[in-house]
Protein backbone atom coordinates (compact mmCIF):
# COMPACT_ATOMS: atom_id res chain seq x y z
CA UNK A 1 -7.07 -19.20 26.20
CA UNK A 2 -10.70 -19.61 27.23
CA UNK A 3 -13.61 -18.16 25.37
CA UNK A 4 -16.67 -18.98 23.31
CA UNK A 5 -16.28 -21.71 20.71
CA UNK A 6 -18.51 -21.31 17.67
CA UNK A 7 -20.42 -24.46 16.77
CA UNK A 8 -18.55 -26.92 14.55
CA UNK A 9 -15.24 -25.21 15.35
CA UNK A 10 -12.31 -26.42 17.40
CA UNK A 11 -10.76 -23.10 18.42
CA UNK A 12 -12.31 -20.36 20.52
CA UNK A 13 -13.13 -16.88 19.24
CA UNK A 14 -10.29 -15.30 21.30
CA UNK A 15 -7.81 -17.79 19.82
CA UNK A 16 -8.87 -16.99 16.28
CA UNK A 17 -8.80 -13.25 17.03
CA UNK A 18 -5.23 -13.45 18.35
CA UNK A 19 -4.03 -15.42 15.32
CA UNK A 20 -5.69 -13.04 12.84
CA UNK A 21 -4.34 -10.01 14.73
CA UNK A 22 -0.82 -11.46 14.71
CA UNK A 23 -0.93 -11.74 10.92
CA UNK A 24 -2.75 -8.49 10.14
CA UNK A 25 -1.29 -6.15 12.75
CA UNK A 26 2.01 -7.63 13.89
CA UNK A 27 3.75 -8.67 10.64
CA UNK A 28 3.60 -12.34 11.62
CA UNK A 29 3.53 -14.74 8.68
CA UNK A 30 0.60 -17.05 8.07
CA UNK A 31 2.81 -20.03 8.88
CA UNK A 32 4.17 -18.49 12.09
CA UNK A 33 0.95 -17.15 13.65
CA UNK A 34 -0.21 -20.53 14.95
CA UNK A 35 3.20 -21.20 16.47
CA UNK A 36 3.19 -17.75 18.09
CA UNK A 37 -0.20 -18.53 19.63
CA UNK A 38 1.24 -21.78 21.02
CA UNK A 39 4.08 -19.81 22.65
CA UNK A 40 1.62 -17.33 24.17
CA UNK A 41 -0.55 -20.12 25.51
CA UNK A 42 2.43 -21.98 26.95
CA UNK A 43 3.72 -18.84 28.68
CA UNK A 44 0.29 -18.25 30.23
CA UNK A 45 -0.04 -21.83 31.42
CA UNK A 46 -2.67 -22.85 28.86
CA UNK A 47 -2.02 -26.14 27.12
CA UNK A 48 -4.05 -26.24 23.91
CA UNK A 49 -3.36 -27.41 20.39
CA UNK A 50 -2.19 -24.62 18.07
CA UNK A 51 -3.81 -24.10 14.66
CA UNK A 52 -2.13 -25.05 11.39
CA UNK A 53 -1.13 -22.51 8.77
CA UNK A 54 -4.00 -23.75 6.58
CA UNK A 55 -6.51 -22.89 9.31
CA UNK A 56 -4.93 -19.46 9.74
CA UNK A 57 -5.18 -18.77 6.01
CA UNK A 58 -8.83 -19.83 5.89
CA UNK A 59 -9.66 -17.63 8.88
CA UNK A 60 -8.13 -14.64 7.09
CA UNK A 61 -10.15 -15.33 3.96
CA UNK A 62 -13.37 -15.85 5.87
CA UNK A 63 -12.90 -12.62 7.82
CA UNK A 64 -12.04 -10.80 4.57
CA UNK A 65 -15.13 -12.17 2.83
CA UNK A 66 -17.36 -11.28 5.79
CA UNK A 67 -16.13 -7.69 5.93
CA UNK A 68 -16.45 -7.36 2.16
CA UNK A 69 -20.01 -8.64 1.92
CA UNK A 70 -21.58 -7.43 5.17
CA UNK A 71 -24.20 -4.70 4.63
CA UNK A 72 -22.88 -1.14 4.46
CA UNK A 73 -24.93 1.88 5.37
CA UNK A 74 -26.47 3.53 2.31
CA UNK A 75 -25.52 7.22 2.35
CA UNK A 76 -24.64 10.10 0.04
CA UNK A 77 -21.36 11.05 1.70
CA UNK A 78 -19.23 7.99 0.96
CA UNK A 79 -15.67 8.41 -0.26
CA UNK A 80 -14.23 5.61 -2.39
CA UNK A 81 -10.47 5.19 -2.66
CA UNK A 82 -9.63 3.13 -5.72
CA UNK A 83 -6.47 1.48 -7.06
CA UNK A 84 -5.10 -1.63 -8.76
CA UNK A 85 -2.64 -4.14 -7.34
CA UNK A 86 -0.63 -6.25 -9.78
CA UNK A 87 1.27 -9.52 -9.36
CA UNK A 88 2.90 -11.92 -11.83
CA UNK A 89 0.77 -12.90 -14.80
CA UNK A 90 -1.90 -10.93 -16.60
CA UNK A 91 -4.31 -10.71 -13.66
CA UNK A 92 -4.71 -7.56 -11.57
CA UNK A 93 -7.14 -6.66 -8.82
CA UNK A 94 -9.19 -3.51 -8.35
CA UNK A 95 -9.61 -2.65 -4.67
CA UNK A 96 -12.18 -0.12 -3.49
CA UNK A 97 -12.12 0.93 0.14
CA UNK A 98 -14.39 3.60 1.55
CA UNK A 99 -15.39 5.75 4.48
CA UNK A 100 -17.98 8.38 5.24
CA UNK A 101 -17.15 12.08 4.90
CA UNK A 102 -18.94 12.56 8.21
CA UNK A 103 -16.16 10.49 9.80
CA UNK A 104 -13.43 12.48 8.04
CA UNK A 105 -14.82 15.76 9.37
CA UNK A 106 -14.43 14.73 13.01
CA UNK A 107 -10.63 14.76 13.31
CA UNK A 108 -7.40 15.73 11.59
CA UNK A 109 -4.72 13.17 10.88
CA UNK A 110 -3.82 10.37 8.55
CA UNK A 111 -6.32 7.68 7.62
CA UNK A 112 -5.52 4.29 9.15
CA UNK A 113 -6.42 0.84 7.84
CA UNK A 114 -9.08 0.53 10.51
CA UNK A 115 -10.82 3.71 9.31
CA UNK A 116 -11.84 2.31 5.91
CA UNK A 117 -14.26 -0.41 4.90
CA UNK A 118 -13.79 -2.86 1.98
CA UNK A 119 -16.29 -2.07 -0.77
CA UNK A 120 -15.08 -4.20 -3.68
CA UNK A 121 -12.28 -6.68 -4.49
CA UNK A 122 -12.34 -7.32 -8.22
CA UNK A 123 -9.72 -9.62 -9.80
CA UNK A 124 -9.62 -9.24 -13.59
CA UNK A 125 -7.38 -10.33 -16.45
CA UNK A 126 -8.10 -7.16 -18.42
CA UNK A 127 -8.81 -3.63 -17.28
CA UNK A 128 -10.14 -0.83 -19.47
CA UNK A 129 -12.07 2.33 -18.78
CA UNK A 130 -15.35 0.53 -19.56
CA UNK A 131 -14.50 -2.35 -17.22
CA UNK A 132 -13.61 0.05 -14.41
CA UNK A 133 -16.89 1.89 -14.98
CA UNK A 134 -18.82 -1.36 -14.69
CA UNK A 135 -16.97 -2.26 -11.48
CA UNK A 136 -17.79 1.14 -9.99
CA UNK A 137 -21.43 0.86 -11.02
CA UNK A 138 -21.65 -2.56 -9.36
CA UNK A 139 -20.05 -1.19 -6.17
CA UNK A 140 -22.92 1.30 -5.85
CA UNK A 141 -25.06 -1.59 -4.62
CA UNK A 142 -22.93 -1.60 -1.49
CA UNK A 143 -23.01 2.05 -0.43
CA UNK A 144 -25.07 3.99 -2.90
CA UNK A 145 -23.55 6.57 -5.25
CA UNK A 146 -20.47 8.06 -3.53
CA UNK A 147 -19.79 11.74 -3.03
CA UNK A 148 -16.10 11.38 -3.96
CA UNK A 149 -13.85 8.92 -5.80
CA UNK A 150 -10.13 9.32 -5.09
CA UNK A 151 -7.33 7.68 -7.09
CA UNK A 152 -4.11 8.30 -8.93
CA UNK A 153 -4.32 9.03 -12.66
CA UNK A 154 -3.81 5.54 -14.04
CA UNK A 155 -5.24 5.67 -17.56
CA UNK A 156 -7.93 2.99 -17.23
CA UNK A 157 -8.90 4.12 -13.74
CA UNK A 158 -9.19 7.77 -14.74
CA UNK A 159 -11.21 6.92 -17.83
CA UNK A 160 -13.65 4.71 -15.92
CA UNK A 161 -14.04 7.18 -13.05
CA UNK A 162 -14.73 10.10 -15.43
CA UNK A 163 -17.38 8.02 -17.19
CA UNK A 164 -18.96 7.22 -13.82
CA UNK A 165 -18.92 10.89 -12.80
CA UNK A 166 -20.64 11.87 -16.05
CA UNK A 167 -23.44 9.47 -15.17
CA UNK A 168 -23.51 10.73 -11.57
CA UNK A 169 -22.80 14.50 -11.41
CA UNK A 170 -23.06 14.41 -7.61
CA UNK A 171 -19.78 12.45 -7.51
CA UNK A 172 -16.47 14.31 -7.83
CA UNK A 173 -13.20 12.78 -9.03
CA UNK A 174 -10.25 13.86 -6.87
CA UNK A 175 -6.59 13.20 -7.74
CA UNK A 176 -4.16 11.89 -5.13
CA UNK A 177 -1.76 14.58 -3.90
CA UNK A 178 1.25 12.25 -3.57
CA UNK A 179 1.03 11.15 -7.20
CA UNK A 180 0.67 14.77 -8.28
CA UNK A 181 3.84 15.72 -6.39
CA UNK A 182 5.64 12.70 -7.85
CA UNK A 183 4.55 13.71 -11.37
CA UNK A 184 5.92 17.22 -10.88
CA UNK A 185 9.20 15.86 -9.50
CA UNK A 186 9.49 13.39 -12.36
CA UNK A 187 9.12 16.18 -14.88
CA UNK A 188 11.56 18.51 -13.15
CA UNK A 189 14.20 15.87 -12.42
CA UNK A 190 13.73 14.33 -15.86
CA UNK A 191 14.87 17.64 -17.35
CA UNK A 192 18.00 17.62 -15.18
CA UNK A 193 21.00 15.81 -16.72
CA UNK A 194 22.78 16.37 -13.41
CA UNK A 195 20.13 14.29 -11.61
CA UNK A 196 20.77 11.34 -13.90
CA UNK A 197 24.50 11.71 -13.32
CA UNK A 198 24.02 11.97 -9.55
CA UNK A 199 21.77 8.87 -9.30
CA UNK A 200 24.13 6.86 -11.55
CA UNK A 201 27.16 7.77 -9.44
CA UNK A 202 25.20 6.89 -6.29
CA UNK A 203 24.44 3.44 -7.68
CA UNK A 204 28.11 2.95 -8.52
CA UNK A 205 29.06 4.03 -5.00
CA UNK A 206 26.92 1.27 -3.49
CA UNK A 207 28.91 -1.37 -5.38
CA UNK A 208 32.18 0.35 -4.45
CA UNK A 209 31.71 0.53 -0.66
CA UNK A 210 29.10 -2.04 0.41
CA UNK A 211 31.67 -4.78 1.14
CA UNK A 212 34.28 -2.46 2.65
CA UNK A 213 34.90 -0.62 5.91
CA UNK A 214 33.17 2.40 4.34
CA UNK A 215 29.81 0.63 4.08
CA UNK A 216 28.26 3.21 6.45
CA UNK A 217 28.69 5.79 3.67
CA UNK A 218 26.67 3.80 1.12
CA UNK A 219 23.66 5.61 -0.40
CA UNK A 220 20.17 4.07 -0.24
CA UNK A 221 19.25 1.69 -3.03
CA UNK A 222 17.03 3.29 -5.64
CA UNK A 223 13.70 1.71 -6.42
CA UNK A 224 12.87 0.89 -9.99
CA UNK A 225 9.13 1.30 -9.50
CA UNK A 226 7.72 4.71 -8.55
CA UNK A 227 11.27 5.95 -7.98
CA UNK A 228 10.21 9.59 -8.26
CA UNK A 229 8.01 9.05 -5.20
CA UNK A 230 11.13 8.06 -3.25
CA UNK A 231 13.86 10.48 -4.34
CA UNK A 232 13.94 12.08 -0.90
CA UNK A 233 16.11 9.35 0.60
CA UNK A 234 18.83 9.90 -2.00
CA UNK A 235 18.76 13.69 -1.66
CA UNK A 236 18.90 13.43 2.15
CA UNK A 237 21.89 11.10 1.81
CA UNK A 238 23.66 13.64 -0.40
CA UNK A 239 23.12 16.36 2.20
CA UNK A 240 24.48 14.16 4.98
CA UNK A 241 27.59 13.31 2.97
CA UNK A 242 28.24 17.01 2.34
CA UNK A 243 27.94 17.79 6.05
CA UNK A 244 30.32 14.96 6.84
CA UNK A 245 32.89 16.10 4.26
CA UNK A 246 32.60 19.74 5.39
CA UNK A 247 33.32 18.96 9.06
CA UNK A 248 36.71 17.18 9.19
CA UNK A 249 37.15 18.13 12.83
CA UNK A 250 34.15 15.99 13.85
CA UNK A 251 34.79 12.52 15.27
CA UNK A 252 35.39 10.04 12.45
CA UNK A 253 36.03 6.32 12.26
CA UNK A 254 39.56 5.20 11.59
CA UNK A 255 39.24 5.55 7.82
CA UNK A 256 41.81 6.47 5.22
CA UNK A 257 40.85 10.02 4.09
CA UNK A 258 41.96 9.23 0.54
CA UNK A 259 39.61 6.25 0.38
CA UNK A 260 36.76 8.35 1.72
CA UNK A 261 37.45 11.04 -0.86
CA UNK A 262 37.56 8.47 -3.64
CA UNK A 263 34.28 6.91 -2.48
CA UNK A 264 32.05 9.96 -1.87
CA UNK A 265 34.09 13.06 -2.64
CA UNK A 266 32.25 13.37 -5.96
CA UNK A 267 29.13 14.57 -4.06
CA UNK A 268 30.73 18.01 -3.62
CA UNK A 269 30.25 18.90 -7.28
CA UNK A 270 26.47 18.62 -6.79
CA UNK A 271 26.24 21.01 -3.84
CA UNK A 272 24.19 23.63 -5.70
CA UNK A 273 21.92 21.04 -7.31
CA UNK A 274 21.28 19.34 -3.97
CA UNK A 275 20.14 22.66 -2.54
CA UNK A 276 17.65 22.98 -5.41
CA UNK A 277 16.42 19.39 -5.07
CA UNK A 278 15.99 19.79 -1.31
CA UNK A 279 13.75 22.79 -1.89
CA UNK A 280 11.62 20.85 -4.36
CA UNK A 281 11.24 18.00 -1.91
CA UNK A 282 10.38 20.40 0.91
CA UNK A 283 7.68 22.02 -1.22
CA UNK A 284 6.22 18.63 -2.12
CA UNK A 285 6.40 17.31 1.44
CA UNK A 286 4.72 20.35 3.00
CA UNK A 287 1.95 20.32 0.42
CA UNK A 288 1.33 16.63 1.01
CA UNK A 289 1.24 17.09 4.79
CA UNK A 290 -1.48 19.74 4.61
CA UNK A 291 -3.68 17.70 2.27
CA UNK A 292 -3.14 14.43 4.15
CA UNK A 293 -3.98 15.85 7.56
CA UNK A 294 -6.62 18.48 6.69
CA UNK A 295 -8.16 17.14 3.49
CA UNK A 296 -9.36 19.36 0.65
CA UNK A 297 -11.67 22.30 1.08
CA UNK A 298 -12.03 25.92 0.04
CA UNK A 299 -9.46 26.80 2.72
CA UNK A 300 -6.82 24.33 1.55
CA UNK A 301 -5.00 26.68 -0.79
CA UNK A 302 -4.50 29.23 2.02
CA UNK A 303 -3.26 26.49 4.36
CA UNK A 304 -0.74 25.26 1.79
CA UNK A 305 0.33 28.80 0.99
CA UNK A 306 1.13 29.42 4.64
CA UNK A 307 3.22 26.25 4.80
CA UNK A 308 5.14 27.11 1.63
CA UNK A 309 5.94 30.66 2.73
CA UNK A 310 9.70 31.08 2.80
CA UNK A 311 10.52 27.51 1.71
CA UNK A 312 12.80 28.69 -1.11
CA UNK A 313 13.52 31.67 -3.31
CA UNK A 314 15.02 29.89 -6.31
CA UNK A 315 12.94 30.58 -9.46
CA UNK A 316 12.19 26.95 -10.25
CA UNK A 317 11.13 26.36 -6.66
CA UNK A 318 8.68 29.22 -6.93
CA UNK A 319 7.32 27.74 -10.16
CA UNK A 320 6.71 24.44 -8.40
CA UNK A 321 4.96 26.23 -5.52
CA UNK A 322 2.68 28.00 -7.99
CA UNK A 323 1.83 24.75 -9.79
CA UNK A 324 0.99 22.85 -6.61
CA UNK A 325 -1.03 25.76 -5.25
CA UNK A 326 -3.03 25.80 -8.48
CA UNK A 327 -3.63 22.05 -8.18
CA UNK A 328 -4.79 22.33 -4.55
CA UNK A 329 -7.03 25.26 -5.45
CA UNK A 330 -8.71 23.30 -8.26
CA UNK A 331 -9.17 20.14 -6.20
CA UNK A 332 -10.34 22.07 -3.13
CA UNK A 333 -12.96 23.88 -5.22
CA UNK A 334 -14.71 20.52 -5.70
CA UNK A 335 -15.72 20.56 -2.02
CA UNK A 336 -19.06 22.10 -1.10
CA UNK A 337 -19.38 24.72 1.61
CA UNK A 338 -18.40 23.26 4.95
CA UNK A 339 -17.27 20.03 3.30
CA UNK A 340 -13.83 18.48 3.55
CA UNK A 341 -12.85 15.94 0.89
CA UNK A 342 -10.13 13.30 1.19
CA UNK A 343 -7.05 14.27 -0.83
CA UNK A 344 -4.58 11.45 -0.23
CA UNK A 345 -4.86 7.79 -1.25
CA UNK A 346 -1.83 6.85 0.83
CA UNK A 347 -3.96 4.53 2.97
CA UNK A 348 -4.64 2.20 0.03
CA UNK A 349 -0.94 2.14 -0.89
CA UNK A 350 -0.21 1.15 2.71
CA UNK A 351 -2.86 -1.57 2.54
CA UNK A 352 -1.21 -2.99 -0.57
CA UNK A 353 2.17 -2.86 1.16
CA UNK A 354 0.87 -4.84 4.14
CA UNK A 355 -0.85 -7.34 1.85
CA UNK A 356 2.33 -7.89 -0.19
CA UNK A 357 4.26 -8.48 3.01
CA UNK A 358 1.60 -10.98 4.01
CA UNK A 359 1.84 -12.68 0.61
CA UNK A 360 5.59 -13.16 1.02
CA UNK A 361 6.91 -14.98 -2.06
CA UNK A 362 3.43 -15.23 -3.53
CA UNK A 363 3.90 -12.37 -6.03
CA UNK A 364 5.72 -14.75 -8.39
CA UNK A 365 2.70 -17.04 -8.16
CA UNK A 366 0.35 -14.36 -9.45
CA UNK A 367 -2.94 -13.50 -7.78
CA UNK A 368 -4.15 -16.28 -5.48
CA UNK A 369 -7.06 -16.65 -3.11
CA UNK A 370 -5.05 -14.66 -0.60
CA UNK A 371 -6.28 -11.54 -2.41
CA UNK A 372 -9.42 -11.91 -0.29
CA UNK A 373 -7.27 -11.15 2.77
CA UNK A 374 -7.32 -7.52 1.60
CA UNK A 375 -10.74 -7.38 3.24
CA UNK A 376 -9.34 -8.68 6.52
CA UNK A 377 -6.62 -6.02 6.62
CA UNK A 378 -9.01 -3.06 6.62
CA UNK A 379 -11.67 -1.92 9.13
CA UNK A 380 -11.51 -3.00 12.76
CA UNK A 381 -11.36 -6.66 13.70
CA UNK A 382 -13.10 -7.40 16.99
CA UNK A 383 -14.24 -10.59 18.70
CA UNK A 384 -17.76 -9.92 17.36
CA UNK A 385 -16.39 -9.67 13.81
CA UNK A 386 -14.55 -12.97 14.23
CA UNK A 387 -17.64 -14.68 15.62
CA UNK A 388 -19.88 -13.45 12.81
CA UNK A 389 -17.34 -14.43 10.17
CA UNK A 390 -17.06 -17.97 11.55
CA UNK A 391 -20.84 -18.30 11.84
CA UNK A 392 -21.88 -16.80 8.50
CA UNK A 393 -19.04 -17.65 6.10
CA UNK A 394 -18.51 -21.37 5.49
CA UNK A 395 -15.22 -22.49 4.02
CA UNK A 396 -16.98 -23.65 0.84
CA UNK A 397 -18.24 -20.08 0.26
CA UNK A 398 -14.70 -18.71 0.32
CA UNK A 399 -13.39 -21.47 -1.95
CA UNK A 400 -16.25 -20.87 -4.38
CA UNK A 401 -15.48 -17.12 -4.46
CA UNK A 402 -11.82 -17.82 -5.23
CA UNK A 403 -12.70 -20.29 -7.97
CA UNK A 404 -15.25 -18.00 -9.61
CA UNK A 405 -13.21 -14.78 -9.36
CA UNK A 406 -9.71 -16.08 -10.05
CA UNK A 407 -10.17 -19.09 -12.30
CA UNK A 408 -6.93 -20.97 -12.92
CA UNK A 409 -4.12 -19.06 -11.27
CA UNK A 410 -0.47 -18.83 -12.29
CA UNK A 411 0.44 -21.15 -9.42
CA UNK A 412 -2.15 -23.74 -10.49
CA UNK A 413 -0.87 -23.59 -14.06
CA UNK A 414 2.70 -24.02 -12.84
CA UNK A 415 1.74 -27.09 -10.81
CA UNK A 416 0.04 -28.61 -13.85
CA UNK A 417 2.98 -27.91 -16.16
CA UNK A 418 5.68 -29.24 -13.88
CA UNK A 419 3.88 -32.03 -12.08
CA UNK A 420 5.92 -35.24 -11.93
CA UNK A 421 4.32 -38.03 -13.98
CA UNK A 422 3.02 -40.86 -11.83
CA UNK A 423 3.81 -44.08 -13.64
CA UNK A 424 2.25 -47.41 -12.82
CA UNK A 425 5.60 -48.53 -11.39
CA UNK A 426 5.73 -45.53 -9.04
CA UNK A 427 2.21 -46.23 -7.86
CA UNK A 428 3.19 -49.82 -7.19
CA UNK A 429 6.19 -48.66 -5.15
CA UNK A 430 3.85 -46.63 -2.95
CA UNK A 431 1.78 -49.67 -1.92
CA UNK A 432 2.15 -50.82 1.71
CA UNK A 433 4.84 -53.39 2.31
CA UNK A 434 2.21 -55.88 3.48
CA UNK A 435 0.70 -55.87 0.00
């Protein structure tokens, strides 16, 4: 794979770009990316040495550091999207990604990883409102004071952001629509004893059918974390089971009807409740779609109202509609005339998801230097970006950042605790035979 080779480097810029793209965009592991490059080169008739996993990891960190520290344009229309990611141990990391409102105003649609720029990656062992405020104040050196800060309502985040907004009245604090919908669902479903019964029976059904011929009827596994943001899968499953049970004339596998009834027949008793839950989910989904694709403005409440028209007539559904419309109205009122704010932080949740996939089994090791790869995941990675990262970011700079920001990690502590003692006899055994 020909191309320019940066001084003091073995691999060309196109080679490094392909390896980084395989990891960041194609769900290839750090250990597999170099091997994948070797396969590509072999298939194209190029015989070159493939990079090791250690080289791949360092390239990711160097690209992440370069994107994080390169100069950003100072402007008054920046949007910061802020959240924490947590691994094993007491450490957590505040990530701030940003984009210009002028870019948001050009097109409808979801934000992609390439649309946002890394502003700050802040590993900490403690996070309070004051610490978050200090991190936000430091981030101003990158972009200037932002027009909007968007996050969920984590207690320390919300406290720090409000303190920042008091110091800078030109900045507005906007709440993420998905977390708002999840909060409403959590409250409504938490008041429903039938929901607890339904989810418990669904969990029992998984154990009952997963190793049998009826495995295709198994409900989705319920997530322990943020489960109220993922109730839709279970409700959809309930609706599908009802349709299956209500249409005995439809083609069916060669199953014993009595076994089917024993496994999932209990869903029938929740027919009315499922209708209610489906309406709630539909209200939440439609509200999210409007805010995600069109942002927040003075017109947002009318747009949501149009989408919710005729969704459901049940009283509690109408109450949920009214609550979400009120929320959208209040958040949309924060936008100035002709301005469209960002209303969904889903992009940062997606970034965390990709990073955790990249980390593999690293979560049990706590935060490691791979946290710097968060910077490599976002914004667009081109050959010019790779070249500048290799030229301007020495390996020692990345290692120094990791040492200063992370200190002694969980993995380093584990290695120290469980290292095998090296006795004098063992050292002697390791001497060359000629000795």
